[in-house]
Amino acid sequence: MSETLKIECPITEDNDQGFYVIEASDLIDGMKLFGEQEVKSPEDMTVAELKAALAEAGMDVPEHAKKADLVALCLSLPE
């Protein structure tokens, strides 16, 4: 038996669960696993998202910091 995955999809009249099941071998780039949070690179995040990520990591965020500075701080965080 092959592995199956739950993939997010819009909720419709025919599918009120918000996911469908596929074979793992059918997974293609761009599909989002059901219940999985999207991970963005710091460069793709908004200033508000960067500030929130830094605050969550316990860093003091300068109030008027530029996006480039916030990206650099995020990239300096240990993984």
PDB file of N, CA and C in Angstrom:
ATOM      1  N   MET A   1       0.843  -1.175   0.000  1.00  0.00           N
ATOM      2  CA  MET A   1       0.000   0.000   0.000  1.00  0.00           C
ATOM      3  C   MET A   1       0.889   1.240   0.000  1.00  0.00           C
ATOM      4  N   SER A   2       0.618   2.193  -0.890  1.00  0.00           N
ATOM      5  CA  SER A   2       1.449   3.390  -0.966  1.00  0.00           C
ATOM      6  C   SER A   2       0.951   4.449   0.022  1.00  0.00           C
ATOM      7  N   GLU A   3       1.850   5.363   0.321  1.00  0.00           N
ATOM      8  CA  GLU A   3       1.527   6.434   1.261  1.00  0.00           C
ATOM      9  C   GLU A   3       0.563   7.425   0.616  1.00  0.00           C
ATOM     10  N   THR A   4      -0.385   7.931   1.404  1.00  0.00           N
ATOM     11  CA  THR A   4      -1.304   8.954   0.933  1.00  0.00           C
ATOM     12  C   THR A   4      -1.113  10.222   1.744  1.00  0.00           C
ATOM     13  N   LEU A   5      -1.479  11.350   1.151  1.00  0.00           N
ATOM     14  CA  LEU A   5      -1.343  12.651   1.791  1.00  0.00           C
ATOM     15  C   LEU A   5      -2.648  13.425   1.681  1.00  0.00           C
ATOM     16  N   LYS A   6      -2.924  14.256   2.672  1.00  0.00           N
ATOM     17  CA  LYS A   6      -4.068  15.168   2.609  1.00  0.00           C
ATOM     18  C   LYS A   6      -3.563  16.502   2.071  1.00  0.00           C
ATOM     19  N   ILE A   7      -4.200  16.991   1.000  1.00  0.00           N
ATOM     20  CA  ILE A   7      -3.830  18.235   0.347  1.00  0.00           C
ATOM     21  C   ILE A   7      -4.961  19.243   0.528  1.00  0.00           C
ATOM     22  N   GLU A   8      -4.603  20.490   0.899  1.00  0.00           N
ATOM     23  CA  GLU A   8      -5.621  21.525   1.075  1.00  0.00           C
ATOM     24  C   GLU A   8      -6.324  21.834  -0.236  1.00  0.00           C
ATOM     25  N   CYS A   9      -7.627  22.103  -0.130  1.00  0.00           N
ATOM     26  CA  CYS A   9      -8.412  22.543  -1.279  1.00  0.00           C
ATOM     27  C   CYS A   9      -9.548  23.410  -0.756  1.00  0.00           C
ATOM     28  N   PRO A  10     -10.151  24.184  -1.635  1.00  0.00           N
ATOM     29  CA  PRO A  10     -11.277  25.023  -1.191  1.00  0.00           C
ATOM     30  C   PRO A  10     -12.447  24.160  -0.711  1.00  0.00           C
ATOM     31  N   ILE A  11     -13.172  24.678   0.257  1.00  0.00           N
ATOM     32  CA  ILE A  11     -14.381  24.001   0.715  1.00  0.00           C
ATOM     33  C   ILE A  11     -15.481  24.289  -0.301  1.00  0.00           C
ATOM     34  N   THR A  12     -16.107  23.238  -0.771  1.00  0.00           N
ATOM     35  CA  THR A  12     -17.178  23.370  -1.757  1.00  0.00           C
ATOM     36  C   THR A  12     -18.390  22.574  -1.287  1.00  0.00           C
ATOM     37  N   GLU A  13     -19.468  22.666  -2.049  1.00  0.00           N
ATOM     38  CA  GLU A  13     -20.668  21.898  -1.732  1.00  0.00           C
ATOM     39  C   GLU A  13     -20.371  20.394  -1.782  1.00  0.00           C
ATOM     40  N   ASP A  14     -19.512  19.987  -2.715  1.00  0.00           N
ATOM     41  CA  ASP A  14     -19.174  18.567  -2.871  1.00  0.00           C
ATOM     42  C   ASP A  14     -18.086  18.101  -1.909  1.00  0.00           C
ATOM     43  N   ASN A  15     -17.303  19.046  -1.356  1.00  0.00           N
ATOM     44  CA  ASN A  15     -16.207  18.689  -0.453  1.00  0.00           C
ATOM     45  C   ASN A  15     -16.162  19.714   0.664  1.00  0.00           C
ATOM     46  N   ASP A  16     -16.782  19.394   1.796  1.00  0.00           N
ATOM     47  CA  ASP A  16     -16.830  20.333   2.913  1.00  0.00           C
ATOM     48  C   ASP A  16     -15.706  20.120   3.912  1.00  0.00           C
ATOM     49  N   GLN A  17     -14.736  19.272   3.568  1.00  0.00           N
ATOM     50  CA  GLN A  17     -13.642  18.971   4.491  1.00  0.00           C
ATOM     51  C   GLN A  17     -12.439  19.887   4.322  1.00  0.00           C
ATOM     52  N   GLY A  18     -12.280  20.506   3.152  1.00  0.00           N
ATOM     53  CA  GLY A  18     -11.146  21.384   2.936  1.00  0.00           C
ATOM     54  C   GLY A  18      -9.868  20.661   2.553  1.00  0.00           C
ATOM     55  N   PHE A  19      -9.968  19.395   2.230  1.00  0.00           N
ATOM     56  CA  PHE A  19      -8.797  18.645   1.766  1.00  0.00           C
ATOM     57  C   PHE A  19      -9.253  17.521   0.863  1.00  0.00           C
ATOM     58  N   TYR A  20      -8.292  17.002   0.109  1.00  0.00           N
ATOM     59  CA  TYR A  20      -8.521  15.774  -0.634  1.00  0.00           C
ATOM     60  C   TYR A  20      -7.298  14.895  -0.452  1.00  0.00           C
ATOM     61  N   VAL A  21      -7.423  13.620  -0.714  1.00  0.00           N
ATOM     62  CA  VAL A  21      -6.355  12.649  -0.483  1.00  0.00           C
ATOM     63  C   VAL A  21      -5.749  12.253  -1.822  1.00  0.00           C
ATOM     64  N   ILE A  22      -4.404  12.284  -1.865  1.00  0.00           N
ATOM     65  CA  ILE A  22      -3.692  11.864  -3.066  1.00  0.00           C
ATOM     66  C   ILE A  22      -2.611  10.867  -2.684  1.00  0.00           C
ATOM     67  N   GLU A  23      -2.117  10.155  -3.674  1.00  0.00           N
ATOM     68  CA  GLU A  23      -0.947   9.297  -3.477  1.00  0.00           C
ATOM     69  C   GLU A  23       0.266  10.212  -3.299  1.00  0.00           C
ATOM     70  N   ALA A  24       1.173   9.847  -2.421  1.00  0.00           N
ATOM     71  CA  ALA A  24       2.363  10.662  -2.188  1.00  0.00           C
ATOM     72  C   ALA A  24       3.151  10.857  -3.482  1.00  0.00           C
ATOM     73  N   SER A  25       3.143   9.884  -4.345  1.00  0.00           N
ATOM     74  CA  SER A  25       3.881   9.981  -5.605  1.00  0.00           C
ATOM     75  C   SER A  25       3.279  11.013  -6.561  1.00  0.00           C
ATOM     76  N   ASP A  26       2.038  11.450  -6.300  1.00  0.00           N
ATOM     77  CA  ASP A  26       1.375  12.439  -7.151  1.00  0.00           C
ATOM     78  C   ASP A  26       1.563  13.874  -6.662  1.00  0.00           C
ATOM     79  N   LEU A  27       2.267  14.053  -5.563  1.00  0.00           N
ATOM     80  CA  LEU A  27       2.498  15.384  -5.007  1.00  0.00           C
ATOM     81  C   LEU A  27       3.344  16.209  -5.972  1.00  0.00           C
ATOM     82  N   ILE A  28       2.922  17.447  -6.231  1.00  0.00           N
ATOM     83  CA  ILE A  28       3.689  18.345  -7.088  1.00  0.00           C
ATOM     84  C   ILE A  28       3.938  19.652  -6.346  1.00  0.00           C
ATOM     85  N   ASP A  29       4.955  20.393  -6.816  1.00  0.00           N
ATOM     86  CA  ASP A  29       5.275  21.685  -6.203  1.00  0.00           C
ATOM     87  C   ASP A  29       4.056  22.584  -6.227  1.00  0.00           C
ATOM     88  N   GLY A  30       3.876  23.322  -5.151  1.00  0.00           N
ATOM     89  CA  GLY A  30       2.760  24.247  -5.058  1.00  0.00           C
ATOM     90  C   GLY A  30       1.587  23.696  -4.272  1.00  0.00           C
ATOM     91  N   MET A  31       1.528  22.378  -4.110  1.00  0.00           N
ATOM     92  CA  MET A  31       0.456  21.794  -3.297  1.00  0.00           C
ATOM     93  C   MET A  31       0.799  22.001  -1.828  1.00  0.00           C
ATOM     94  N   LYS A  32      -0.204  22.343  -1.051  1.00  0.00           N
ATOM     95  CA  LYS A  32       0.001  22.580   0.377  1.00  0.00           C
ATOM     96  C   LYS A  32      -0.643  21.447   1.156  1.00  0.00           C
ATOM     97  N   LEU A  33       0.137  20.820   2.036  1.00  0.00           N
ATOM     98  CA  LEU A  33      -0.394  19.750   2.868  1.00  0.00           C
ATOM     99  C   LEU A  33      -1.437  20.311   3.818  1.00  0.00           C
ATOM    100  N   PHE A  34      -2.506  19.577   4.018  1.00  0.00           N
ATOM    101  CA  PHE A  34      -3.603  19.986   4.883  1.00  0.00           C
ATOM    102  C   PHE A  34      -3.096  20.139   6.307  1.00  0.00           C
ATOM    103  N   GLY A  35      -3.400  21.286   6.919  1.00  0.00           N
ATOM    104  CA  GLY A  35      -3.010  21.543   8.300  1.00  0.00           C
ATOM    105  C   GLY A  35      -1.588  22.026   8.461  1.00  0.00           C
ATOM    106  N   GLU A  36      -0.873  22.169   7.368  1.00  0.00           N
ATOM    107  CA  GLU A  36       0.512  22.610   7.432  1.00  0.00           C
ATOM    108  C   GLU A  36       0.566  24.121   7.257  1.00  0.00           C
ATOM    109  N   GLN A  37       1.326  24.776   8.092  1.00  0.00           N
ATOM    110  CA  GLN A  37       1.440  26.225   7.994  1.00  0.00           C
ATOM    111  C   GLN A  37       2.463  26.582   6.926  1.00  0.00           C
ATOM    112  N   GLU A  38       2.114  27.565   6.110  1.00  0.00           N
ATOM    113  CA  GLU A  38       3.030  28.001   5.054  1.00  0.00           C
ATOM    114  C   GLU A  38       4.256  28.659   5.685  1.00  0.00           C
ATOM    115  N   VAL A  39       5.414  28.349   5.149  1.00  0.00           N
ATOM    116  CA  VAL A  39       6.651  28.931   5.638  1.00  0.00           C
ATOM    117  C   VAL A  39       7.174  29.888   4.572  1.00  0.00           C
ATOM    118  N   LYS A  40       7.356  31.143   4.954  1.00  0.00           N
ATOM    119  CA  LYS A  40       7.871  32.148   4.033  1.00  0.00           C
ATOM    120  C   LYS A  40       9.316  32.456   4.380  1.00  0.00           C
ATOM    121  N   SER A  41      10.073  32.841   3.377  1.00  0.00           N
ATOM    122  CA  SER A  41      11.426  33.324   3.647  1.00  0.00           C
ATOM    123  C   SER A  41      11.304  34.753   4.172  1.00  0.00           C
ATOM    124  N   PRO A  42      12.268  35.208   4.962  1.00  0.00           N
ATOM    125  CA  PRO A  42      12.182  36.581   5.485  1.00  0.00           C
ATOM    126  C   PRO A  42      12.035  37.627   4.382  1.00  0.00           C
ATOM    127  N   GLU A  43      12.661  37.396   3.242  1.00  0.00           N
ATOM    128  CA  GLU A  43      12.570  38.359   2.143  1.00  0.00           C
ATOM    129  C   GLU A  43      11.146  38.488   1.614  1.00  0.00           C
ATOM    130  N   ASP A  44      10.340  37.434   1.744  1.00  0.00           N
ATOM    131  CA  ASP A  44       8.964  37.438   1.240  1.00  0.00           C
ATOM    132  C   ASP A  44       7.941  37.893   2.276  1.00  0.00           C
ATOM    133  N   MET A  45       8.385  38.140   3.503  1.00  0.00           N
ATOM    134  CA  MET A  45       7.479  38.531   4.576  1.00  0.00           C
ATOM    135  C   MET A  45       7.252  40.044   4.565  1.00  0.00           C
ATOM    136  N   THR A  46       6.112  40.455   5.099  1.00  0.00           N
ATOM    137  CA  THR A  46       5.837  41.881   5.258  1.00  0.00           C
ATOM    138  C   THR A  46       6.566  42.389   6.500  1.00  0.00           C
ATOM    139  N   VAL A  47       6.643  43.707   6.641  1.00  0.00           N
ATOM    140  CA  VAL A  47       7.280  44.289   7.823  1.00  0.00           C
ATOM    141  C   VAL A  47       6.562  43.815   9.085  1.00  0.00           C
ATOM    142  N   ALA A  48       5.239  43.785   9.056  1.00  0.00           N
ATOM    143  CA  ALA A  48       4.474  43.331  10.226  1.00  0.00           C
ATOM    144  C   ALA A  48       4.791  41.866  10.551  1.00  0.00           C
ATOM    145  N   GLU A  49       4.900  41.019   9.517  1.00  0.00           N
ATOM    146  CA  GLU A  49       5.227  39.607   9.744  1.00  0.00           C
ATOM    147  C   GLU A  49       6.636  39.461  10.306  1.00  0.00           C
ATOM    148  N   LEU A  50       7.572  40.266   9.795  1.00  0.00           N
ATOM    149  CA  LEU A  50       8.949  40.221  10.297  1.00  0.00           C
ATOM    150  C   LEU A  50       9.002  40.636  11.761  1.00  0.00           C
ATOM    151  N   LYS A  51       8.306  41.723  12.086  1.00  0.00           N
ATOM    152  CA  LYS A  51       8.288  42.191  13.479  1.00  0.00           C
ATOM    153  C   LYS A  51       7.669  41.143  14.398  1.00  0.00           C
ATOM    154  N   ALA A  52       6.607  40.498  13.946  1.00  0.00           N
ATOM    155  CA  ALA A  52       5.959  39.462  14.751  1.00  0.00           C
ATOM    156  C   ALA A  52       6.883  38.266  14.949  1.00  0.00           C
ATOM    157  N   ALA A  53       7.584  37.860  13.901  1.00  0.00           N
ATOM    158  CA  ALA A  53       8.498  36.718  14.000  1.00  0.00           C
ATOM    159  C   ALA A  53       9.643  37.030  14.948  1.00  0.00           C
ATOM    160  N   LEU A  54      10.168  38.235  14.866  1.00  0.00           N
ATOM    161  CA  LEU A  54      11.257  38.625  15.761  1.00  0.00           C
ATOM    162  C   LEU A  54      10.786  38.721  17.204  1.00  0.00           C
ATOM    163  N   ALA A  55       9.612  39.281  17.422  1.00  0.00           N
ATOM    164  CA  ALA A  55       9.061  39.374  18.780  1.00  0.00           C
ATOM    165  C   ALA A  55       8.825  37.975  19.351  1.00  0.00           C
ATOM    166  N   GLU A  56       8.324  37.072  18.510  1.00  0.00           N
ATOM    167  CA  GLU A  56       8.095  35.692  18.953  1.00  0.00           C
ATOM    168  C   GLU A  56       9.408  35.016  19.346  1.00  0.00           C
ATOM    169  N   ALA A  57      10.500  35.411  18.686  1.00  0.00           N
ATOM    170  CA  ALA A  57      11.812  34.846  18.998  1.00  0.00           C
ATOM    171  C   ALA A  57      12.458  35.542  20.199  1.00  0.00           C
ATOM    172  N   GLY A  58      11.746  36.526  20.776  1.00  0.00           N
ATOM    173  CA  GLY A  58      12.241  37.202  21.969  1.00  0.00           C
ATOM    174  C   GLY A  58      13.197  38.343  21.688  1.00  0.00           C
ATOM    175  N   MET A  59      13.247  38.817  20.448  1.00  0.00           N
ATOM    176  CA  MET A  59      14.152  39.914  20.106  1.00  0.00           C
ATOM    177  C   MET A  59      13.442  41.250  20.247  1.00  0.00           C
ATOM    178  N   ASP A  60      14.175  42.247  20.705  1.00  0.00           N
ATOM    179  CA  ASP A  60      13.659  43.617  20.736  1.00  0.00           C
ATOM    180  C   ASP A  60      13.731  44.166  19.319  1.00  0.00           C
ATOM    181  N   VAL A  61      12.620  44.683  18.849  1.00  0.00           N
ATOM    182  CA  VAL A  61      12.535  45.184  17.482  1.00  0.00           C
ATOM    183  C   VAL A  61      12.501  46.710  17.524  1.00  0.00           C
ATOM    184  N   PRO A  62      13.495  47.364  16.903  1.00  0.00           N
ATOM    185  CA  PRO A  62      13.461  48.824  16.859  1.00  0.00           C
ATOM    186  C   PRO A  62      12.196  49.300  16.144  1.00  0.00           C
ATOM    187  N   GLU A  63      11.524  50.305  16.704  1.00  0.00           N
ATOM    188  CA  GLU A  63      10.227  50.748  16.194  1.00  0.00           C
ATOM    189  C   GLU A  63      10.273  51.208  14.735  1.00  0.00           C
ATOM    190  N   HIS A  64      11.313  51.917  14.342  1.00  0.00           N
ATOM    191  CA  HIS A  64      11.379  52.468  12.991  1.00  0.00           C
ATOM    192  C   HIS A  64      12.398  51.741  12.113  1.00  0.00           C
ATOM    193  N   ALA A  65      12.617  50.475  12.384  1.00  0.00           N
ATOM    194  CA  ALA A  65      13.586  49.696  11.601  1.00  0.00           C
ATOM    195  C   ALA A  65      13.103  49.522  10.166  1.00  0.00           C
ATOM    196  N   LYS A  66      14.032  49.534   9.236  1.00  0.00           N
ATOM    197  CA  LYS A  66      13.735  49.312   7.820  1.00  0.00           C
ATOM    198  C   LYS A  66      13.562  47.818   7.582  1.00  0.00           C
ATOM    199  N   LYS A  67      12.837  47.484   6.524  1.00  0.00           N
ATOM    200  CA  LYS A  67      12.594  46.076   6.203  1.00  0.00           C
ATOM    201  C   LYS A  67      13.905  45.318   6.042  1.00  0.00           C
ATOM    202  N   ALA A  68      14.874  45.900   5.366  1.00  0.00           N
ATOM    203  CA  ALA A  68      16.157  45.219   5.153  1.00  0.00           C
ATOM    204  C   ALA A  68      16.820  44.868   6.484  1.00  0.00           C
ATOM    205  N   ASP A  69      16.703  45.761   7.474  1.00  0.00           N
ATOM    206  CA  ASP A  69      17.273  45.494   8.800  1.00  0.00           C
ATOM    207  C   ASP A  69      16.535  44.348   9.488  1.00  0.00           C
ATOM    208  N   LEU A  70      15.211  44.333   9.343  1.00  0.00           N
ATOM    209  CA  LEU A  70      14.411  43.261   9.950  1.00  0.00           C
ATOM    210  C   LEU A  70      14.714  41.914   9.293  1.00  0.00           C
ATOM    211  N   VAL A  71      14.879  41.912   7.977  1.00  0.00           N
ATOM    212  CA  VAL A  71      15.241  40.683   7.267  1.00  0.00           C
ATOM    213  C   VAL A  71      16.579  40.169   7.775  1.00  0.00           C
ATOM    214  N   ALA A  72      17.557  41.069   7.899  1.00  0.00           N
ATOM    215  CA  ALA A  72      18.883  40.678   8.387  1.00  0.00           C
ATOM    216  C   ALA A  72      18.796  40.092   9.793  1.00  0.00           C
ATOM    217  N   LEU A  73      17.975  40.692  10.666  1.00  0.00           N
ATOM    218  CA  LEU A  73      17.802  40.158  12.016  1.00  0.00           C
ATOM    219  C   LEU A  73      17.194  38.760  11.975  1.00  0.00           C
ATOM    220  N   CYS A  74      16.178  38.580  11.124  1.00  0.00           N
ATOM    221  CA  CYS A  74      15.540  37.261  10.999  1.00  0.00           C
ATOM    222  C   CYS A  74      16.526  36.203  10.506  1.00  0.00           C
ATOM    223  N   LEU A  75      17.336  36.598   9.542  1.00  0.00           N
ATOM    224  CA  LEU A  75      18.308  35.647   9.001  1.00  0.00           C
ATOM    225  C   LEU A  75      19.388  35.288  10.005  1.00  0.00           C
ATOM    226  N   SER A  76      19.592  36.163  11.004  1.00  0.00           N
ATOM    227  CA  SER A  76      20.617  35.897  12.026  1.00  0.00           C
ATOM    228  C   SER A  76      20.116  34.986  13.140  1.00  0.00           C
ATOM    229  N   LEU A  77      18.802  34.732  13.173  1.00  0.00           N
ATOM    230  CA  LEU A  77      18.240  33.878  14.218  1.00  0.00           C
ATOM    231  C   LEU A  77      18.689  32.423  14.032  1.00  0.00           C
ATOM    232  N   PRO A  78      18.989  31.745  15.123  1.00  0.00           N
ATOM    233  CA  PRO A  78      19.308  30.311  14.999  1.00  0.00           C
ATOM    234  C   PRO A  78      18.060  29.534  14.592  1.00  0.00           C
ATOM    235  N   GLU A  79      18.245  28.505  13.798  1.00  0.00           N
ATOM    236  CA  GLU A  79      17.085  27.717  13.323  1.00  0.00           C
ATOM    237  C   GLU A  79      16.635  26.711  14.313  1.00  0.00           C
TER     238      GLU A  79
END
